[in-house]
Amino acid sequence: MTSDRNWPFWALIALLVITHFALHLAVGLGATAPDLLTPAVLLSGRRVRGSVAAGIGFGLGLLQDSLSLDSFGAEALTMTLLGYLGARSRDLFVGDSAVFLLVYLFSGKWLHDALFFLLSGTPDQGGTAVWLLVFAPLAAIYAAVAGVAAMAAYRSVTGER
């Protein structure tokens, strides 16, 4: 799974997770901070088998769920599915260009928000379309740009293509 040459990538994933919780909890930005857990799961899913990616997603989902007062377990299930689908995406899509990563992270974050929204339930059905078609894509763009920026910084430091 990991070797001596892969430790910088896993350090990036750990840094994304730590930064996510630091921005959301320590700095107190809350919803204005980008979701960095979803890009962490999606990026790690491209490097490992499906079962390992699902386990990473489950663990990070449980961490995020531990901070939630409602819909406990929805984030864990969503991240588990997202990790598995991210690992399976290697079979469908080859490449790691910046444009591919932007589209991949955008699609993954939007799918994350849609699944989470469906699993956690909503009392107001009138706002569902607005949330899924306006707010979820904006959050997906925000997370995708943050993920691509982190990956670009990683590539510039390590010299990886």
C-alpha atoms as a PDB file:
ATOM      1  CA  MET A   1       0.000   0.000   0.000  1.00  0.00           C
ATOM      2  CA  THR A   2       2.587   2.572   1.002  1.00  0.00           C
ATOM      3  CA  SER A   3       6.288   2.583   0.455  1.00  0.00           C
ATOM      4  CA  ASP A   4       9.145   4.879   1.350  1.00  0.00           C
ATOM      5  CA  ARG A   5       8.487   7.042  -1.678  1.00  0.00           C
ATOM      6  CA  ASN A   6       4.762   7.501  -0.910  1.00  0.00           C
ATOM      7  CA  TRP A   7       5.119   9.073   2.525  1.00  0.00           C
ATOM      8  CA  PRO A   8       4.921  12.680   1.213  1.00  0.00           C
ATOM      9  CA  PHE A   9       1.526  11.919  -0.337  1.00  0.00           C
ATOM     10  CA  TRP A  10       0.187  10.512   2.914  1.00  0.00           C
ATOM     11  CA  ALA A  11       1.634  13.538   4.720  1.00  0.00           C
ATOM     12  CA  LEU A  12      -0.431  15.691   2.329  1.00  0.00           C
ATOM     13  CA  ILE A  13      -3.573  13.712   3.173  1.00  0.00           C
ATOM     14  CA  ALA A  14      -2.862  14.102   6.903  1.00  0.00           C
ATOM     15  CA  LEU A  15      -2.223  17.820   6.399  1.00  0.00           C
ATOM     16  CA  LEU A  16      -5.558  18.186   4.582  1.00  0.00           C
ATOM     17  CA  VAL A  17      -7.371  16.472   7.467  1.00  0.00           C
ATOM     18  CA  ILE A  18      -5.599  18.538  10.136  1.00  0.00           C
ATOM     19  CA  THR A  19      -6.184  21.753   8.192  1.00  0.00           C
ATOM     20  CA  HIS A  20      -9.865  20.869   7.765  1.00  0.00           C
ATOM     21  CA  PHE A  21     -10.422  20.511  11.483  1.00  0.00           C
ATOM     22  CA  ALA A  22      -8.201  23.482  12.310  1.00  0.00           C
ATOM     23  CA  LEU A  23     -10.183  25.760  10.004  1.00  0.00           C
ATOM     24  CA  HIS A  24     -13.566  24.469  11.097  1.00  0.00           C
ATOM     25  CA  LEU A  25     -12.923  24.193  14.846  1.00  0.00           C
ATOM     26  CA  ALA A  26      -9.823  26.061  15.990  1.00  0.00           C
ATOM     27  CA  VAL A  27     -10.192  29.102  13.756  1.00  0.00           C
ATOM     28  CA  GLY A  28     -13.986  28.898  13.893  1.00  0.00           C
ATOM     29  CA  LEU A  29     -14.694  29.481  10.205  1.00  0.00           C
ATOM     30  CA  GLY A  30     -17.365  26.793  10.142  1.00  0.00           C
ATOM     31  CA  ALA A  31     -19.254  26.720   6.840  1.00  0.00           C
ATOM     32  CA  THR A  32     -17.056  29.386   5.264  1.00  0.00           C
ATOM     33  CA  ALA A  33     -14.006  27.089   5.323  1.00  0.00           C
ATOM     34  CA  PRO A  34     -13.624  24.611   2.456  1.00  0.00           C
ATOM     35  CA  ASP A  35     -14.380  20.953   2.997  1.00  0.00           C
ATOM     36  CA  LEU A  36     -10.938  19.352   2.861  1.00  0.00           C
ATOM     37  CA  LEU A  37     -12.010  15.896   4.029  1.00  0.00           C
ATOM     38  CA  THR A  38     -13.754  15.103   0.760  1.00  0.00           C
ATOM     39  CA  PRO A  39     -10.690  15.926  -1.390  1.00  0.00           C
ATOM     40  CA  ALA A  40      -8.552  13.924   1.061  1.00  0.00           C
ATOM     41  CA  VAL A  41     -10.772  10.864   0.608  1.00  0.00           C
ATOM     42  CA  LEU A  42     -10.989  11.303  -3.164  1.00  0.00           C
ATOM     43  CA  LEU A  43      -7.249  11.837  -3.623  1.00  0.00           C
ATOM     44  CA  SER A  44      -6.328   8.911  -1.407  1.00  0.00           C
ATOM     45  CA  GLY A  45      -8.878   6.751  -3.203  1.00  0.00           C
ATOM     46  CA  ARG A  46      -6.923   7.166  -6.431  1.00  0.00           C
ATOM     47  CA  ARG A  47      -3.838   5.581  -4.788  1.00  0.00           C
ATOM     48  CA  VAL A  48      -5.236   2.592  -2.865  1.00  0.00           C
ATOM     49  CA  ARG A  49      -7.581  -0.395  -3.309  1.00  0.00           C
ATOM     50  CA  GLY A  50     -11.327   0.044  -2.917  1.00  0.00           C
ATOM     51  CA  SER A  51     -11.512  -1.563   0.527  1.00  0.00           C
ATOM     52  CA  VAL A  52      -8.731   0.617   1.906  1.00  0.00           C
ATOM     53  CA  ALA A  53     -10.275   3.747   0.380  1.00  0.00           C
ATOM     54  CA  ALA A  54     -13.640   2.828   1.885  1.00  0.00           C
ATOM     55  CA  GLY A  55     -11.936   2.376   5.269  1.00  0.00           C
ATOM     56  CA  ILE A  56     -10.260   5.778   4.990  1.00  0.00           C
ATOM     57  CA  GLY A  57     -13.600   7.314   4.064  1.00  0.00           C
ATOM     58  CA  PHE A  58     -15.328   5.565   6.956  1.00  0.00           C
ATOM     59  CA  GLY A  59     -12.717   6.750   9.457  1.00  0.00           C
ATOM     60  CA  LEU A  60     -12.778  10.351   8.263  1.00  0.00           C
ATOM     61  CA  GLY A  61     -16.573  10.246   8.078  1.00  0.00           C
ATOM     62  CA  LEU A  62     -16.740   9.086  11.689  1.00  0.00           C
ATOM     63  CA  LEU A  63     -14.416  11.930  12.692  1.00  0.00           C
ATOM     64  CA  GLN A  64     -16.700  14.419  10.967  1.00  0.00           C
ATOM     65  CA  ASP A  65     -19.813  12.735  12.384  1.00  0.00           C
ATOM     66  CA  SER A  66     -18.436  12.988  15.910  1.00  0.00           C
ATOM     67  CA  LEU A  67     -18.856  16.756  15.619  1.00  0.00           C
ATOM     68  CA  SER A  68     -22.438  16.561  14.367  1.00  0.00           C
ATOM     69  CA  LEU A  69     -25.424  16.751  16.667  1.00  0.00           C
ATOM     70  CA  ASP A  70     -27.874  15.414  14.114  1.00  0.00           C
ATOM     71  CA  SER A  71     -27.825  12.737  11.410  1.00  0.00           C
ATOM     72  CA  PHE A  72     -25.019  10.727  13.004  1.00  0.00           C
ATOM     73  CA  GLY A  73     -23.698   8.154  10.556  1.00  0.00           C
ATOM     74  CA  ALA A  74     -24.729   9.943   7.357  1.00  0.00           C
ATOM     75  CA  GLU A  75     -21.258  11.415   6.886  1.00  0.00           C
ATOM     76  CA  ALA A  76     -19.576   8.069   7.593  1.00  0.00           C
ATOM     77  CA  LEU A  77     -21.737   6.267   5.033  1.00  0.00           C
ATOM     78  CA  THR A  78     -21.298   9.054   2.473  1.00  0.00           C
ATOM     79  CA  MET A  79     -17.513   9.139   2.838  1.00  0.00           C
ATOM     80  CA  THR A  80     -17.310   5.335   2.716  1.00  0.00           C
ATOM     81  CA  LEU A  81     -19.197   5.258  -0.577  1.00  0.00           C
ATOM     82  CA  LEU A  82     -17.154   8.165  -1.907  1.00  0.00           C
ATOM     83  CA  GLY A  83     -13.866   6.475  -1.009  1.00  0.00           C
ATOM     84  CA  TYR A  84     -14.879   3.278  -2.735  1.00  0.00           C
ATOM     85  CA  LEU A  85     -16.115   5.100  -5.839  1.00  0.00           C
ATOM     86  CA  GLY A  86     -12.916   7.161  -5.878  1.00  0.00           C
ATOM     87  CA  ALA A  87     -10.843   3.986  -5.928  1.00  0.00           C
ATOM     88  CA  ARG A  88     -12.987   2.506  -8.682  1.00  0.00           C
ATOM     89  CA  SER A  89     -12.543   5.665 -10.759  1.00  0.00           C
ATOM     90  CA  ARG A  90      -8.980   4.552 -11.553  1.00  0.00           C
ATOM     91  CA  ASP A  91     -10.481   1.863 -13.781  1.00  0.00           C
ATOM     92  CA  LEU A  92     -12.534   4.404 -15.707  1.00  0.00           C
ATOM     93  CA  PHE A  93     -10.305   7.467 -15.882  1.00  0.00           C
ATOM     94  CA  VAL A  94      -6.554   7.585 -16.397  1.00  0.00           C
ATOM     95  CA  GLY A  95      -4.532  10.689 -15.689  1.00  0.00           C
ATOM     96  CA  ASP A  96      -3.923  13.272 -13.035  1.00  0.00           C
ATOM     97  CA  SER A  97      -3.845  16.580 -14.896  1.00  0.00           C
ATOM     98  CA  ALA A  98      -4.993  19.724 -13.122  1.00  0.00           C
ATOM     99  CA  VAL A  99      -8.162  19.900 -15.238  1.00  0.00           C
ATOM    100  CA  PHE A 100      -8.988  16.260 -14.528  1.00  0.00           C
ATOM    101  CA  LEU A 101      -8.416  16.780 -10.799  1.00  0.00           C
ATOM    102  CA  LEU A 102     -10.634  19.876 -10.823  1.00  0.00           C
ATOM    103  CA  VAL A 103     -13.491  18.004 -12.527  1.00  0.00           C
ATOM    104  CA  TYR A 104     -12.917  14.882 -10.397  1.00  0.00           C
ATOM    105  CA  LEU A 105     -12.920  16.785  -7.103  1.00  0.00           C
ATOM    106  CA  PHE A 106     -15.884  18.944  -8.161  1.00  0.00           C
ATOM    107  CA  SER A 107     -17.925  15.879  -9.128  1.00  0.00           C
ATOM    108  CA  GLY A 108     -16.927  14.018  -5.978  1.00  0.00           C
ATOM    109  CA  LYS A 109     -17.787  16.919  -3.685  1.00  0.00           C
ATOM    110  CA  TRP A 110     -21.124  17.495  -5.405  1.00  0.00           C
ATOM    111  CA  LEU A 111     -21.906  13.772  -5.131  1.00  0.00           C
ATOM    112  CA  HIS A 112     -20.876  13.915  -1.461  1.00  0.00           C
ATOM    113  CA  ASP A 113     -23.253  16.797  -0.783  1.00  0.00           C
ATOM    114  CA  ALA A 114     -26.117  15.160  -2.689  1.00  0.00           C
ATOM    115  CA  LEU A 115     -25.681  11.819  -0.873  1.00  0.00           C
ATOM    116  CA  PHE A 116     -25.347  13.495   2.495  1.00  0.00           C
ATOM    117  CA  PHE A 117     -28.424  15.592   1.806  1.00  0.00           C
ATOM    118  CA  LEU A 118     -30.427  12.503   0.863  1.00  0.00           C
ATOM    119  CA  LEU A 119     -29.215  10.444   3.841  1.00  0.00           C
ATOM    120  CA  SER A 120     -29.650  13.122   6.471  1.00  0.00           C
ATOM    121  CA  GLY A 121     -33.138  14.024   5.313  1.00  0.00           C
ATOM    122  CA  THR A 122     -34.672  17.419   4.881  1.00  0.00           C
ATOM    123  CA  PRO A 123     -37.790  18.910   6.436  1.00  0.00           C
ATOM    124  CA  ASP A 124     -38.135  21.557   3.698  1.00  0.00           C
ATOM    125  CA  GLN A 125     -38.664  20.018   0.263  1.00  0.00           C
ATOM    126  CA  GLY A 126     -38.992  23.424  -1.413  1.00  0.00           C
ATOM    127  CA  GLY A 127     -35.355  24.277  -0.779  1.00  0.00           C
ATOM    128  CA  THR A 128     -33.985  20.963  -2.027  1.00  0.00           C
ATOM    129  CA  ALA A 129     -33.594  21.988  -5.667  1.00  0.00           C
ATOM    130  CA  VAL A 130     -32.052  25.332  -4.749  1.00  0.00           C
ATOM    131  CA  TRP A 131     -29.618  23.683  -2.365  1.00  0.00           C
ATOM    132  CA  LEU A 132     -28.566  20.945  -4.811  1.00  0.00           C
ATOM    133  CA  LEU A 133     -28.332  23.234  -7.854  1.00  0.00           C
ATOM    134  CA  VAL A 134     -26.898  26.408  -6.281  1.00  0.00           C
ATOM    135  CA  PHE A 135     -25.209  25.888  -2.928  1.00  0.00           C
ATOM    136  CA  ALA A 136     -23.797  22.385  -3.461  1.00  0.00           C
ATOM    137  CA  PRO A 137     -22.010  23.326  -6.742  1.00  0.00           C
ATOM    138  CA  LEU A 138     -20.547  26.432  -5.095  1.00  0.00           C
ATOM    139  CA  ALA A 139     -19.228  24.323  -2.216  1.00  0.00           C
ATOM    140  CA  ALA A 140     -17.928  21.792  -4.756  1.00  0.00           C
ATOM    141  CA  ILE A 141     -16.026  24.494  -6.666  1.00  0.00           C
ATOM    142  CA  TYR A 142     -14.548  25.776  -3.399  1.00  0.00           C
ATOM    143  CA  ALA A 143     -13.396  22.307  -2.317  1.00  0.00           C
ATOM    144  CA  ALA A 144     -12.118  21.403  -5.796  1.00  0.00           C
ATOM    145  CA  VAL A 145     -10.000  24.543  -6.068  1.00  0.00           C
ATOM    146  CA  ALA A 146      -8.597  23.946  -2.576  1.00  0.00           C
ATOM    147  CA  GLY A 147      -7.811  20.313  -3.452  1.00  0.00           C
ATOM    148  CA  VAL A 148      -6.132  21.223  -6.746  1.00  0.00           C
ATOM    149  CA  ALA A 149      -4.087  23.925  -4.995  1.00  0.00           C
ATOM    150  CA  ALA A 150      -2.961  21.419  -2.352  1.00  0.00           C
ATOM    151  CA  MET A 151      -2.063  18.895  -5.036  1.00  0.00           C
ATOM    152  CA  ALA A 152      -0.161  21.542  -7.035  1.00  0.00           C
ATOM    153  CA  ALA A 153       1.818  22.465  -3.910  1.00  0.00           C
ATOM    154  CA  TYR A 154       2.529  18.774  -3.275  1.00  0.00           C
ATOM    155  CA  ARG A 155       3.725  18.273  -6.841  1.00  0.00           C
ATOM    156  CA  SER A 156       5.962  21.333  -6.729  1.00  0.00           C
ATOM    157  CA  VAL A 157       7.575  20.189  -3.469  1.00  0.00           C
ATOM    158  CA  THR A 158       8.060  16.551  -4.438  1.00  0.00           C
ATOM    159  CA  GLY A 159       8.683  17.023  -8.148  1.00  0.00           C
ATOM    160  CA  GLU A 160       6.024  14.429  -8.974  1.00  0.00           C
ATOM    161  CA  ARG A 161       4.199  14.885 -12.233  1.00  0.00           C
END
